[in-house]
Amino acid sequence: MAVNYGTKRIVVGAHYGLRDWLSQRITGALMALFTIIVLAQVLFTRGPIGYDKWAGIFSAQWMKVLTFIVIASLLWHVWVGMRDIWMDYIQPVSIRLSLQIFTIVWLVGCAGWAIQVLWRL
């Protein structure tokens, strides 16, 4: 007689789990660190804060690269979160797919705009 100690669990869905959880934490920490860096630069800047000061903060090449990395992290963070929301709460596949496509198009547009603003400084 065979003893069945349990059935093999079949998990449906996207199978992302730990990877998504970890990417959300890493991108969130990176964005928090970037915020602290920008706040430190603003607080240690003498004189009134105007366009020239903001342009000066973001004109250094290292700051442009760091800002680009944070923009990419923000986009990934948003995508993982929105994708999980659509997968958890929207049952009809056609509506879920439409919302995911809309999210991707929106995020690509936001990325293009952010990079255009960043490299125009």
C-alpha atoms as a PDB file:
ATOM      1  CA  MET A   1       0.000   0.000   0.000  1.00  0.00           C
ATOM      2  CA  ALA A   2       1.410   3.352  -1.033  1.00  0.00           C
ATOM      3  CA  VAL A   3       1.455   6.060   1.570  1.00  0.00           C
ATOM      4  CA  ASN A   4       0.573   9.495   0.278  1.00  0.00           C
ATOM      5  CA  TYR A   5       2.229  12.098   2.488  1.00  0.00           C
ATOM      6  CA  GLY A   6       0.857  14.940   0.435  1.00  0.00           C
ATOM      7  CA  THR A   7       0.247  15.883  -3.104  1.00  0.00           C
ATOM      8  CA  LYS A   8       2.636  17.701  -5.291  1.00  0.00           C
ATOM      9  CA  ARG A   9       1.578  21.312  -5.176  1.00  0.00           C
ATOM     10  CA  ILE A  10       1.018  22.958  -8.543  1.00  0.00           C
ATOM     11  CA  VAL A  11       1.476  26.692  -8.360  1.00  0.00           C
ATOM     12  CA  VAL A  12      -0.175  28.689 -11.077  1.00  0.00           C
ATOM     13  CA  GLY A  13       0.631  32.221 -12.086  1.00  0.00           C
ATOM     14  CA  ALA A  14       3.788  34.006 -12.978  1.00  0.00           C
ATOM     15  CA  HIS A  15       6.182  32.075 -10.639  1.00  0.00           C
ATOM     16  CA  TYR A  16       8.175  35.184  -9.697  1.00  0.00           C
ATOM     17  CA  GLY A  17       7.901  35.182  -5.890  1.00  0.00           C
ATOM     18  CA  LEU A  18      11.266  35.782  -4.242  1.00  0.00           C
ATOM     19  CA  ARG A  19      12.814  37.456  -7.269  1.00  0.00           C
ATOM     20  CA  ASP A  20      10.064  40.092  -7.414  1.00  0.00           C
ATOM     21  CA  TRP A  21      10.067  40.584  -3.657  1.00  0.00           C
ATOM     22  CA  LEU A  22      13.838  41.078  -3.681  1.00  0.00           C
ATOM     23  CA  SER A  23      13.766  43.413  -6.697  1.00  0.00           C
ATOM     24  CA  GLN A  24      11.102  45.557  -4.993  1.00  0.00           C
ATOM     25  CA  ARG A  25      13.286  45.850  -1.861  1.00  0.00           C
ATOM     26  CA  ILE A  26      16.499  46.586  -3.752  1.00  0.00           C
ATOM     27  CA  THR A  27      14.948  49.194  -6.046  1.00  0.00           C
ATOM     28  CA  GLY A  28      13.150  50.773  -3.078  1.00  0.00           C
ATOM     29  CA  ALA A  29      16.401  50.996  -1.103  1.00  0.00           C
ATOM     30  CA  LEU A  30      18.212  52.471  -4.107  1.00  0.00           C
ATOM     31  CA  MET A  31      15.523  55.142  -4.540  1.00  0.00           C
ATOM     32  CA  ALA A  32      15.674  55.952  -0.812  1.00  0.00           C
ATOM     33  CA  LEU A  33      19.468  56.309  -0.972  1.00  0.00           C
ATOM     34  CA  PHE A  34      19.166  58.573  -4.019  1.00  0.00           C
ATOM     35  CA  THR A  35      16.620  60.735  -2.176  1.00  0.00           C
ATOM     36  CA  ILE A  36      19.037  61.117   0.746  1.00  0.00           C
ATOM     37  CA  ILE A  37      21.858  62.106  -1.631  1.00  0.00           C
ATOM     38  CA  VAL A  38      19.713  64.731  -3.379  1.00  0.00           C
ATOM     39  CA  LEU A  39      18.422  66.087  -0.061  1.00  0.00           C
ATOM     40  CA  ALA A  40      21.979  66.346   1.257  1.00  0.00           C
ATOM     41  CA  GLN A  41      23.040  68.279  -1.826  1.00  0.00           C
ATOM     42  CA  VAL A  42      20.060  70.629  -1.488  1.00  0.00           C
ATOM     43  CA  LEU A  43      20.614  71.173   2.238  1.00  0.00           C
ATOM     44  CA  PHE A  44      24.318  71.902   1.830  1.00  0.00           C
ATOM     45  CA  THR A  45      23.782  74.324  -1.050  1.00  0.00           C
ATOM     46  CA  ARG A  46      24.216  77.945  -0.064  1.00  0.00           C
ATOM     47  CA  GLY A  47      21.854  80.616  -1.275  1.00  0.00           C
ATOM     48  CA  PRO A  48      18.393  80.384  -2.730  1.00  0.00           C
ATOM     49  CA  ILE A  49      17.460  77.239  -4.626  1.00  0.00           C
ATOM     50  CA  GLY A  50      16.521  78.086  -8.186  1.00  0.00           C
ATOM     51  CA  TYR A  51      16.893  76.537 -11.605  1.00  0.00           C
ATOM     52  CA  ASP A  52      20.637  77.194 -11.675  1.00  0.00           C
ATOM     53  CA  LYS A  53      21.201  75.318  -8.418  1.00  0.00           C
ATOM     54  CA  TRP A  54      19.045  72.370  -9.530  1.00  0.00           C
ATOM     55  CA  ALA A  55      20.823  72.280 -12.892  1.00  0.00           C
ATOM     56  CA  GLY A  56      24.142  72.391 -11.054  1.00  0.00           C
ATOM     57  CA  ILE A  57      23.212  69.445  -8.858  1.00  0.00           C
ATOM     58  CA  PHE A  58      22.273  67.298 -11.845  1.00  0.00           C
ATOM     59  CA  SER A  59      24.936  68.527 -14.283  1.00  0.00           C
ATOM     60  CA  ALA A  60      27.747  66.301 -13.004  1.00  0.00           C
ATOM     61  CA  GLN A  61      28.169  63.140 -15.068  1.00  0.00           C
ATOM     62  CA  TRP A  62      28.107  60.857 -12.009  1.00  0.00           C
ATOM     63  CA  MET A  63      24.800  62.392 -10.941  1.00  0.00           C
ATOM     64  CA  LYS A  64      23.325  61.894 -14.420  1.00  0.00           C
ATOM     65  CA  VAL A  65      24.361  58.238 -14.381  1.00  0.00           C
ATOM     66  CA  LEU A  66      23.013  57.752 -10.855  1.00  0.00           C
ATOM     67  CA  THR A  67      19.739  59.464 -11.811  1.00  0.00           C
ATOM     68  CA  PHE A  68      19.452  57.260 -14.899  1.00  0.00           C
ATOM     69  CA  ILE A  69      19.937  54.153 -12.734  1.00  0.00           C
ATOM     70  CA  VAL A  70      17.282  55.409 -10.307  1.00  0.00           C
ATOM     71  CA  ILE A  71      14.869  56.115 -13.181  1.00  0.00           C
ATOM     72  CA  ALA A  72      15.381  52.554 -14.454  1.00  0.00           C
ATOM     73  CA  SER A  73      14.904  51.245 -10.896  1.00  0.00           C
ATOM     74  CA  LEU A  74      11.732  53.277 -10.485  1.00  0.00           C
ATOM     75  CA  LEU A  75      10.323  51.956 -13.743  1.00  0.00           C
ATOM     76  CA  TRP A  76      11.098  48.351 -12.776  1.00  0.00           C
ATOM     77  CA  HIS A  77       9.652  48.918  -9.281  1.00  0.00           C
ATOM     78  CA  VAL A  78       6.429  50.291 -10.749  1.00  0.00           C
ATOM     79  CA  TRP A  79       6.184  47.542 -13.355  1.00  0.00           C
ATOM     80  CA  VAL A  80       6.544  44.729 -10.814  1.00  0.00           C
ATOM     81  CA  GLY A  81       3.993  46.336  -8.496  1.00  0.00           C
ATOM     82  CA  MET A  82       1.421  47.095 -11.184  1.00  0.00           C
ATOM     83  CA  ARG A  83       1.837  43.708 -12.843  1.00  0.00           C
ATOM     84  CA  ASP A  84       1.189  42.017  -9.497  1.00  0.00           C
ATOM     85  CA  ILE A  85      -1.878  44.177  -8.898  1.00  0.00           C
ATOM     86  CA  TRP A  86      -3.282  43.379 -12.353  1.00  0.00           C
ATOM     87  CA  MET A  87      -2.573  39.646 -11.919  1.00  0.00           C
ATOM     88  CA  ASP A  88      -4.116  39.509  -8.436  1.00  0.00           C
ATOM     89  CA  TYR A  89      -7.255  41.565  -8.923  1.00  0.00           C
ATOM     90  CA  ILE A  90      -8.223  41.480 -12.614  1.00  0.00           C
ATOM     91  CA  GLN A  91      -9.642  38.087 -13.558  1.00  0.00           C
ATOM     92  CA  PRO A  92     -10.609  38.447 -17.263  1.00  0.00           C
ATOM     93  CA  VAL A  93      -7.433  37.775 -19.227  1.00  0.00           C
ATOM     94  CA  SER A  94      -8.246  40.253 -22.003  1.00  0.00           C
ATOM     95  CA  ILE A  95      -8.715  43.149 -19.575  1.00  0.00           C
ATOM     96  CA  ARG A  96      -5.596  42.155 -17.619  1.00  0.00           C
ATOM     97  CA  LEU A  97      -3.527  42.007 -20.816  1.00  0.00           C
ATOM     98  CA  SER A  98      -4.882  45.373 -21.944  1.00  0.00           C
ATOM     99  CA  LEU A  99      -3.988  46.951 -18.606  1.00  0.00           C
ATOM    100  CA  GLN A 100      -0.509  45.428 -18.697  1.00  0.00           C
ATOM    101  CA  ILE A 101       0.075  46.744 -22.228  1.00  0.00           C
ATOM    102  CA  PHE A 102      -1.198  50.182 -21.183  1.00  0.00           C
ATOM    103  CA  THR A 103       1.159  50.113 -18.183  1.00  0.00           C
ATOM    104  CA  ILE A 104       4.137  49.205 -20.362  1.00  0.00           C
ATOM    105  CA  VAL A 105       3.347  51.941 -22.898  1.00  0.00           C
ATOM    106  CA  TRP A 106       2.856  54.480 -20.092  1.00  0.00           C
ATOM    107  CA  LEU A 107       6.160  53.516 -18.414  1.00  0.00           C
ATOM    108  CA  VAL A 108       8.091  53.658 -21.698  1.00  0.00           C
ATOM    109  CA  GLY A 109       6.648  57.143 -22.304  1.00  0.00           C
ATOM    110  CA  CYS A 110       7.607  58.234 -18.789  1.00  0.00           C
ATOM    111  CA  ALA A 111      11.109  56.830 -19.277  1.00  0.00           C
ATOM    112  CA  GLY A 112      11.557  58.718 -22.534  1.00  0.00           C
ATOM    113  CA  TRP A 113      10.362  61.947 -20.955  1.00  0.00           C
ATOM    114  CA  ALA A 114      12.564  61.510 -17.857  1.00  0.00           C
ATOM    115  CA  ILE A 115      15.674  60.768 -19.896  1.00  0.00           C
ATOM    116  CA  GLN A 116      14.973  63.708 -22.196  1.00  0.00           C
ATOM    117  CA  VAL A 117      14.677  66.026 -19.179  1.00  0.00           C
ATOM    118  CA  LEU A 118      17.782  64.545 -17.544  1.00  0.00           C
ATOM    119  CA  TRP A 119      20.089  64.842 -20.541  1.00  0.00           C
ATOM    120  CA  ARG A 120      18.810  68.285 -21.493  1.00  0.00           C
ATOM    121  CA  LEU A 121      20.321  69.845 -18.339  1.00  0.00           C
END
